[in-house]
Structure formats: structure tokens, C-alpha cells
N, C-alpha and C. Protein backbone atom coordinates (compact mmCIF):
# COMPACT_ATOMS: atom_id res chain seq x y z
N MET A 1 49.78 -10.21 -22.41
CA MET A 1 50.33 -9.65 -21.18
C MET A 1 51.19 -10.69 -20.49
N ALA A 2 52.33 -10.27 -19.99
CA ALA A 2 53.26 -11.21 -19.35
C ALA A 2 52.68 -11.73 -18.05
N LYS A 3 52.91 -13.00 -17.81
CA LYS A 3 52.48 -13.61 -16.54
C LYS A 3 53.49 -13.27 -15.46
N THR A 4 53.01 -13.15 -14.21
CA THR A 4 53.85 -12.77 -13.09
C THR A 4 54.19 -13.98 -12.24
N ILE A 5 55.48 -14.16 -12.01
CA ILE A 5 55.98 -15.23 -11.15
C ILE A 5 56.53 -14.58 -9.89
N PHE A 6 56.09 -15.06 -8.74
CA PHE A 6 56.52 -14.52 -7.44
C PHE A 6 57.46 -15.52 -6.79
N ILE A 7 58.68 -15.06 -6.46
CA ILE A 7 59.70 -15.94 -5.87
C ILE A 7 60.02 -15.50 -4.45
N MET A 8 59.92 -16.46 -3.51
CA MET A 8 60.34 -16.23 -2.12
C MET A 8 61.53 -17.14 -1.85
N ASP A 9 62.71 -16.56 -1.67
CA ASP A 9 63.90 -17.37 -1.42
C ASP A 9 64.97 -16.49 -0.79
N ASP A 10 65.60 -16.98 0.27
CA ASP A 10 66.65 -16.21 0.92
C ASP A 10 68.01 -16.42 0.26
N ASP A 11 68.11 -17.35 -0.67
CA ASP A 11 69.35 -17.61 -1.41
C ASP A 11 69.37 -16.65 -2.60
N LEU A 12 70.08 -15.53 -2.43
CA LEU A 12 70.02 -14.48 -3.44
C LEU A 12 70.62 -14.91 -4.77
N ALA A 13 71.62 -15.80 -4.74
CA ALA A 13 72.22 -16.28 -5.99
C ALA A 13 71.20 -17.11 -6.77
N LEU A 14 70.53 -18.02 -6.09
CA LEU A 14 69.52 -18.84 -6.77
C LEU A 14 68.34 -17.98 -7.22
N GLN A 15 67.96 -17.03 -6.37
CA GLN A 15 66.88 -16.11 -6.71
C GLN A 15 67.20 -15.39 -8.03
N MET A 16 68.46 -14.96 -8.16
CA MET A 16 68.88 -14.24 -9.36
C MET A 16 68.86 -15.17 -10.59
N VAL A 17 69.33 -16.41 -10.43
CA VAL A 17 69.31 -17.37 -11.54
C VAL A 17 67.88 -17.59 -12.01
N MET A 18 66.97 -17.82 -11.06
CA MET A 18 65.56 -18.04 -11.44
C MET A 18 64.97 -16.80 -12.09
N GLU A 19 65.26 -15.63 -11.52
CA GLU A 19 64.73 -14.38 -12.07
C GLU A 19 65.19 -14.17 -13.52
N ILE A 20 66.48 -14.31 -13.76
CA ILE A 20 67.03 -14.10 -15.10
C ILE A 20 66.42 -15.10 -16.09
N ALA A 21 66.38 -16.37 -15.69
CA ALA A 21 65.83 -17.41 -16.58
C ALA A 21 64.38 -17.12 -16.92
N LEU A 22 63.59 -16.72 -15.93
CA LEU A 22 62.17 -16.44 -16.16
C LEU A 22 61.97 -15.19 -17.02
N ARG A 23 62.75 -14.15 -16.74
CA ARG A 23 62.63 -12.93 -17.54
C ARG A 23 63.01 -13.17 -19.00
N GLU A 24 64.03 -14.02 -19.21
CA GLU A 24 64.49 -14.32 -20.58
C GLU A 24 63.39 -14.97 -21.42
N VAL A 25 62.47 -15.68 -20.78
CA VAL A 25 61.39 -16.32 -21.54
C VAL A 25 60.08 -15.54 -21.44
N GLY A 26 60.15 -14.30 -20.92
CA GLY A 26 59.01 -13.40 -21.01
C GLY A 26 58.14 -13.22 -19.78
N TYR A 27 58.56 -13.73 -18.65
CA TYR A 27 57.76 -13.54 -17.43
C TYR A 27 58.15 -12.27 -16.69
N GLU A 28 57.19 -11.69 -15.99
CA GLU A 28 57.47 -10.66 -15.00
C GLU A 28 57.85 -11.41 -13.73
N VAL A 29 58.81 -10.87 -12.97
CA VAL A 29 59.24 -11.55 -11.75
C VAL A 29 59.21 -10.58 -10.59
N VAL A 30 58.63 -11.01 -9.47
CA VAL A 30 58.62 -10.24 -8.23
C VAL A 30 59.30 -11.09 -7.17
N LEU A 31 60.16 -10.46 -6.36
CA LEU A 31 60.98 -11.19 -5.40
C LEU A 31 60.68 -10.83 -3.96
N ALA A 32 60.85 -11.82 -3.07
CA ALA A 32 60.83 -11.60 -1.63
C ALA A 32 61.95 -12.46 -1.04
N ASN A 33 62.59 -11.96 0.02
CA ASN A 33 63.73 -12.66 0.58
C ASN A 33 63.38 -13.64 1.69
N ASN A 34 62.11 -13.65 2.12
CA ASN A 34 61.67 -14.63 3.12
C ASN A 34 60.15 -14.70 3.12
N GLY A 35 59.64 -15.63 3.91
CA GLY A 35 58.20 -15.86 3.94
C GLY A 35 57.39 -14.70 4.48
N VAL A 36 57.92 -14.03 5.51
CA VAL A 36 57.20 -12.89 6.10
C VAL A 36 57.03 -11.79 5.07
N GLU A 37 58.13 -11.46 4.39
CA GLU A 37 58.09 -10.44 3.34
C GLU A 37 57.15 -10.88 2.21
N GLY A 38 57.21 -12.17 1.88
CA GLY A 38 56.38 -12.70 0.80
C GLY A 38 54.89 -12.60 1.11
N ILE A 39 54.52 -12.98 2.33
CA ILE A 39 53.11 -12.92 2.74
C ILE A 39 52.61 -11.48 2.66
N ALA A 40 53.46 -10.54 3.12
CA ALA A 40 53.07 -9.12 3.08
C ALA A 40 52.85 -8.66 1.63
N GLN A 41 53.73 -9.06 0.73
CA GLN A 41 53.60 -8.64 -0.67
C GLN A 41 52.35 -9.22 -1.33
N LEU A 42 51.94 -10.40 -0.87
CA LEU A 42 50.76 -11.03 -1.47
C LEU A 42 49.46 -10.34 -1.09
N GLU A 43 49.54 -9.36 -0.17
CA GLU A 43 48.35 -8.56 0.14
C GLU A 43 47.88 -7.80 -1.10
N THR A 44 48.85 -7.36 -1.93
CA THR A 44 48.51 -6.55 -3.09
C THR A 44 48.87 -7.22 -4.42
N LEU A 45 49.69 -8.25 -4.38
CA LEU A 45 50.16 -8.91 -5.59
C LEU A 45 49.28 -10.10 -5.93
N LYS A 46 48.94 -10.25 -7.20
CA LYS A 46 48.19 -11.42 -7.66
C LYS A 46 49.03 -12.13 -8.72
N PRO A 47 49.99 -12.95 -8.30
CA PRO A 47 50.86 -13.61 -9.28
C PRO A 47 50.15 -14.77 -9.98
N ASP A 48 50.74 -15.20 -11.09
CA ASP A 48 50.20 -16.35 -11.81
C ASP A 48 50.78 -17.66 -11.26
N LEU A 49 51.91 -17.55 -10.55
CA LEU A 49 52.55 -18.72 -9.94
C LEU A 49 53.45 -18.23 -8.82
N ILE A 50 53.57 -19.04 -7.76
CA ILE A 50 54.42 -18.70 -6.63
C ILE A 50 55.49 -19.78 -6.48
N ILE A 51 56.73 -19.35 -6.30
CA ILE A 51 57.85 -20.26 -6.05
C ILE A 51 58.37 -19.92 -4.66
N SER A 52 58.54 -20.94 -3.82
CA SER A 52 59.04 -20.70 -2.47
C SER A 52 60.07 -21.74 -2.08
N ASP A 53 61.13 -21.27 -1.43
CA ASP A 53 62.11 -22.17 -0.83
C ASP A 53 61.48 -22.73 0.44
N ILE A 54 61.98 -23.86 0.94
CA ILE A 54 61.49 -24.38 2.21
C ILE A 54 62.24 -23.76 3.37
N MET A 55 63.57 -23.80 3.31
CA MET A 55 64.37 -23.33 4.45
C MET A 55 64.70 -21.85 4.29
N MET A 56 63.95 -21.01 5.01
CA MET A 56 64.18 -19.56 4.99
C MET A 56 64.10 -19.04 6.42
N PRO A 57 64.76 -17.91 6.68
CA PRO A 57 64.66 -17.31 8.01
C PRO A 57 63.28 -16.68 8.23
N GLU A 58 62.93 -16.45 9.46
CA GLU A 58 61.71 -15.77 9.89
C GLU A 58 60.45 -16.61 9.71
N MET A 59 60.24 -17.15 8.52
CA MET A 59 59.10 -18.05 8.28
C MET A 59 59.53 -19.02 7.20
N ASP A 60 59.47 -20.31 7.51
CA ASP A 60 59.92 -21.26 6.49
C ASP A 60 58.87 -21.43 5.39
N GLY A 61 59.28 -22.11 4.34
CA GLY A 61 58.42 -22.26 3.18
C GLY A 61 57.16 -23.05 3.44
N VAL A 62 57.21 -23.99 4.40
CA VAL A 62 56.03 -24.78 4.71
C VAL A 62 54.97 -23.89 5.38
N GLU A 63 55.39 -23.11 6.35
CA GLU A 63 54.46 -22.18 7.02
C GLU A 63 53.94 -21.15 6.01
N ALA A 64 54.84 -20.62 5.17
CA ALA A 64 54.43 -19.66 4.15
C ALA A 64 53.41 -20.30 3.20
N PHE A 65 53.70 -21.53 2.78
CA PHE A 65 52.78 -22.24 1.88
C PHE A 65 51.40 -22.37 2.52
N ASN A 66 51.37 -22.78 3.79
CA ASN A 66 50.09 -22.96 4.47
C ASN A 66 49.30 -21.65 4.55
N GLN A 67 50.00 -20.56 4.88
CA GLN A 67 49.32 -19.26 4.96
C GLN A 67 48.85 -18.79 3.58
N ILE A 68 49.71 -18.97 2.60
CA ILE A 68 49.37 -18.54 1.24
C ILE A 68 48.20 -19.36 0.71
N ARG A 69 48.26 -20.68 0.93
CA ARG A 69 47.20 -21.56 0.44
C ARG A 69 45.85 -21.14 0.98
N GLU A 70 45.80 -20.77 2.27
CA GLU A 70 44.54 -20.32 2.86
C GLU A 70 44.01 -19.08 2.16
N ARG A 71 44.92 -18.20 1.78
CA ARG A 71 44.50 -16.93 1.14
C ARG A 71 44.11 -17.09 -0.31
N ILE A 72 44.84 -17.96 -1.03
CA ILE A 72 44.66 -18.01 -2.49
C ILE A 72 44.04 -19.30 -2.99
N GLN A 73 43.60 -20.17 -2.10
CA GLN A 73 43.14 -21.48 -2.55
C GLN A 73 42.01 -21.40 -3.57
N ASP A 74 41.20 -20.36 -3.50
CA ASP A 74 40.09 -20.24 -4.44
C ASP A 74 40.51 -19.60 -5.76
N GLU A 75 41.73 -19.09 -5.81
CA GLU A 75 42.18 -18.39 -7.02
C GLU A 75 42.94 -19.31 -7.98
N GLY A 76 43.25 -20.52 -7.53
CA GLY A 76 43.91 -21.48 -8.41
C GLY A 76 45.34 -21.11 -8.78
N ILE A 77 46.02 -20.38 -7.92
CA ILE A 77 47.41 -20.00 -8.21
C ILE A 77 48.32 -21.17 -7.83
N PRO A 78 49.05 -21.72 -8.81
CA PRO A 78 49.92 -22.86 -8.50
C PRO A 78 51.15 -22.44 -7.69
N MET A 79 51.69 -23.40 -6.92
CA MET A 79 52.89 -23.15 -6.13
C MET A 79 53.95 -24.21 -6.39
N VAL A 80 55.18 -23.75 -6.51
CA VAL A 80 56.33 -24.64 -6.61
C VAL A 80 57.16 -24.43 -5.36
N ILE A 81 57.51 -25.53 -4.70
CA ILE A 81 58.37 -25.47 -3.53
C ILE A 81 59.74 -26.00 -3.95
N VAL A 82 60.79 -25.18 -3.80
CA VAL A 82 62.14 -25.64 -4.13
C VAL A 82 62.85 -25.97 -2.82
N THR A 83 63.62 -27.05 -2.86
CA THR A 83 64.30 -27.48 -1.64
C THR A 83 65.55 -28.27 -1.94
N ALA A 84 66.53 -28.11 -1.07
CA ALA A 84 67.75 -28.92 -1.13
C ALA A 84 67.59 -30.17 -0.27
N LEU A 85 66.50 -30.24 0.49
CA LEU A 85 66.27 -31.39 1.35
C LEU A 85 66.02 -32.65 0.51
N ASN A 86 66.48 -33.78 1.01
CA ASN A 86 66.09 -35.04 0.40
C ASN A 86 64.61 -35.23 0.68
N ARG A 87 63.99 -36.06 -0.09
CA ARG A 87 62.54 -36.28 0.05
C ARG A 87 62.18 -36.62 1.49
N LYS A 88 61.21 -35.90 2.02
CA LYS A 88 60.72 -36.11 3.38
C LYS A 88 59.29 -36.64 3.31
N PRO A 89 58.86 -37.39 4.33
CA PRO A 89 57.48 -37.91 4.32
C PRO A 89 56.45 -36.79 4.19
N TRP A 90 56.70 -35.64 4.82
CA TRP A 90 55.71 -34.56 4.78
C TRP A 90 55.63 -33.84 3.44
N PHE A 91 56.53 -34.14 2.49
CA PHE A 91 56.41 -33.57 1.15
C PHE A 91 55.07 -33.98 0.54
N SER A 92 54.64 -35.21 0.85
CA SER A 92 53.36 -35.71 0.31
C SER A 92 52.20 -34.82 0.73
N ASP A 93 52.26 -34.32 1.97
CA ASP A 93 51.20 -33.43 2.46
C ASP A 93 51.14 -32.16 1.61
N LEU A 94 52.32 -31.60 1.32
CA LEU A 94 52.38 -30.39 0.49
C LEU A 94 51.83 -30.68 -0.91
N GLU A 95 52.22 -31.82 -1.46
CA GLU A 95 51.77 -32.18 -2.80
C GLU A 95 50.26 -32.42 -2.83
N GLU A 96 49.72 -33.02 -1.78
CA GLU A 96 48.28 -33.23 -1.72
C GLU A 96 47.53 -31.90 -1.68
N GLU A 97 48.18 -30.89 -1.11
CA GLU A 97 47.58 -29.55 -1.03
C GLU A 97 47.81 -28.77 -2.33
N GLY A 98 48.50 -29.37 -3.30
CA GLY A 98 48.64 -28.72 -4.59
C GLY A 98 50.02 -28.20 -4.95
N ALA A 99 50.99 -28.34 -4.04
CA ALA A 99 52.34 -27.85 -4.35
C ALA A 99 53.07 -28.84 -5.24
N VAL A 100 53.98 -28.31 -6.04
CA VAL A 100 54.90 -29.14 -6.81
C VAL A 100 56.27 -28.96 -6.15
N ILE A 101 56.93 -30.08 -5.81
CA ILE A 101 58.23 -30.03 -5.16
C ILE A 101 59.32 -30.13 -6.23
N LEU A 102 60.26 -29.20 -6.21
CA LEU A 102 61.39 -29.21 -7.13
C LEU A 102 62.68 -29.30 -6.32
N GLN A 103 63.41 -30.39 -6.52
CA GLN A 103 64.65 -30.62 -5.78
C GLN A 103 65.78 -29.75 -6.34
N LYS A 104 66.56 -29.15 -5.43
CA LYS A 104 67.78 -28.45 -5.83
C LYS A 104 68.93 -29.44 -5.75
N PRO A 105 69.96 -29.33 -6.55
CA PRO A 105 70.04 -28.39 -7.68
C PRO A 105 69.19 -28.90 -8.85
N PHE A 106 68.72 -27.96 -9.66
CA PHE A 106 67.92 -28.34 -10.82
C PHE A 106 68.49 -27.66 -12.05
N GLU A 107 68.20 -28.25 -13.20
CA GLU A 107 68.61 -27.67 -14.47
C GLU A 107 67.66 -26.51 -14.79
N VAL A 108 68.21 -25.42 -15.27
CA VAL A 108 67.39 -24.26 -15.60
C VAL A 108 66.33 -24.61 -16.64
N ASP A 109 66.69 -25.41 -17.63
CA ASP A 109 65.72 -25.80 -18.67
C ASP A 109 64.55 -26.58 -18.07
N THR A 110 64.86 -27.47 -17.14
CA THR A 110 63.81 -28.26 -16.47
C THR A 110 62.90 -27.33 -15.68
N PHE A 111 63.50 -26.36 -14.99
CA PHE A 111 62.77 -25.37 -14.21
C PHE A 111 61.81 -24.58 -15.10
N ILE A 112 62.33 -24.06 -16.22
CA ILE A 112 61.50 -23.26 -17.14
C ILE A 112 60.38 -24.12 -17.73
N ASP A 113 60.69 -25.36 -18.11
CA ASP A 113 59.65 -26.25 -18.64
C ASP A 113 58.53 -26.45 -17.62
N LEU A 114 58.91 -26.66 -16.36
CA LEU A 114 57.93 -26.84 -15.30
C LEU A 114 57.04 -25.61 -15.16
N ILE A 115 57.66 -24.42 -15.11
CA ILE A 115 56.91 -23.18 -14.95
C ILE A 115 55.98 -22.98 -16.15
N ASN A 116 56.51 -23.17 -17.35
CA ASN A 116 55.68 -23.01 -18.55
C ASN A 116 54.47 -23.93 -18.51
N THR A 117 54.67 -25.17 -18.08
CA THR A 117 53.56 -26.13 -18.00
C THR A 117 52.53 -25.69 -16.98
N MET A 118 53.01 -25.18 -15.83
CA MET A 118 52.10 -24.83 -14.75
C MET A 118 51.29 -23.56 -15.00
N VAL A 119 51.82 -22.65 -15.82
CA VAL A 119 51.08 -21.40 -16.05
C VAL A 119 50.45 -21.33 -17.43
N SER A 120 50.56 -22.41 -18.21
CA SER A 120 49.95 -22.37 -19.54
C SER A 120 48.43 -22.32 -19.41
N ASP A 121 47.85 -21.59 -20.31
CA ASP A 121 46.38 -21.42 -20.27
C ASP A 121 45.66 -22.66 -20.76
């Protein structure tokens, strides 16, 4: 059965690139355009991995991560945070909580390798 990757990102072009790349290697992909929409979808969705941008309207990726982590921390669902920001001191806090930070721009192959590693059984 295909694993489900959940993407929250307001950059529709990047969202599409990630979706196509993930589908090409056999993943199911579910999309949300911001953190508020993403949190709502996670009421019923149980993804195998969550990808979130940091800078989004309505609710940024850090707030979304914190809310999601509280809900899913016992389920072991990994999270990748994508960002165009240069490394910030608070990235360490996210990483300590279990997030993997992926700097934009990134190579699609690197992205797929990371996802494959994180969701492998």
C-alpha cells in the first residue's frame, strides 16, 4: 500500500513540484495551502510523513508544527520543515522536537532520498 505524504505549503509551484516528484516514486500525496487548512485536514488524515513550509499565511509552519506535534507525537509521524530562511537559532528547537529542516532551493533527488529514508520501514 502506498504511503501518504501530507504537504502544507502556500507556494503552489513548489507544492506541485513536490507532489509530482513524490507521486512519480509511488507515494500518495495530500495537499493543504496553509497551516490552518492543514491542521483541519489532520483531524481525519493519518499521513506517513508531513512536510510543512515555515512562512505561510494564517498560521506559520512553526505554529503548525507545534500544534501537529502535540496531536501526533505518540504516532511517530515524521515531519520535514522546508524553508528559504537561512539557518536560525530556533531551528535547533524544531530539530530537538523531531523535525528535519530542508533548505530551499533543494534538488528533487535529495528531497526524494530524504523522504524515502524517513518513511522506510
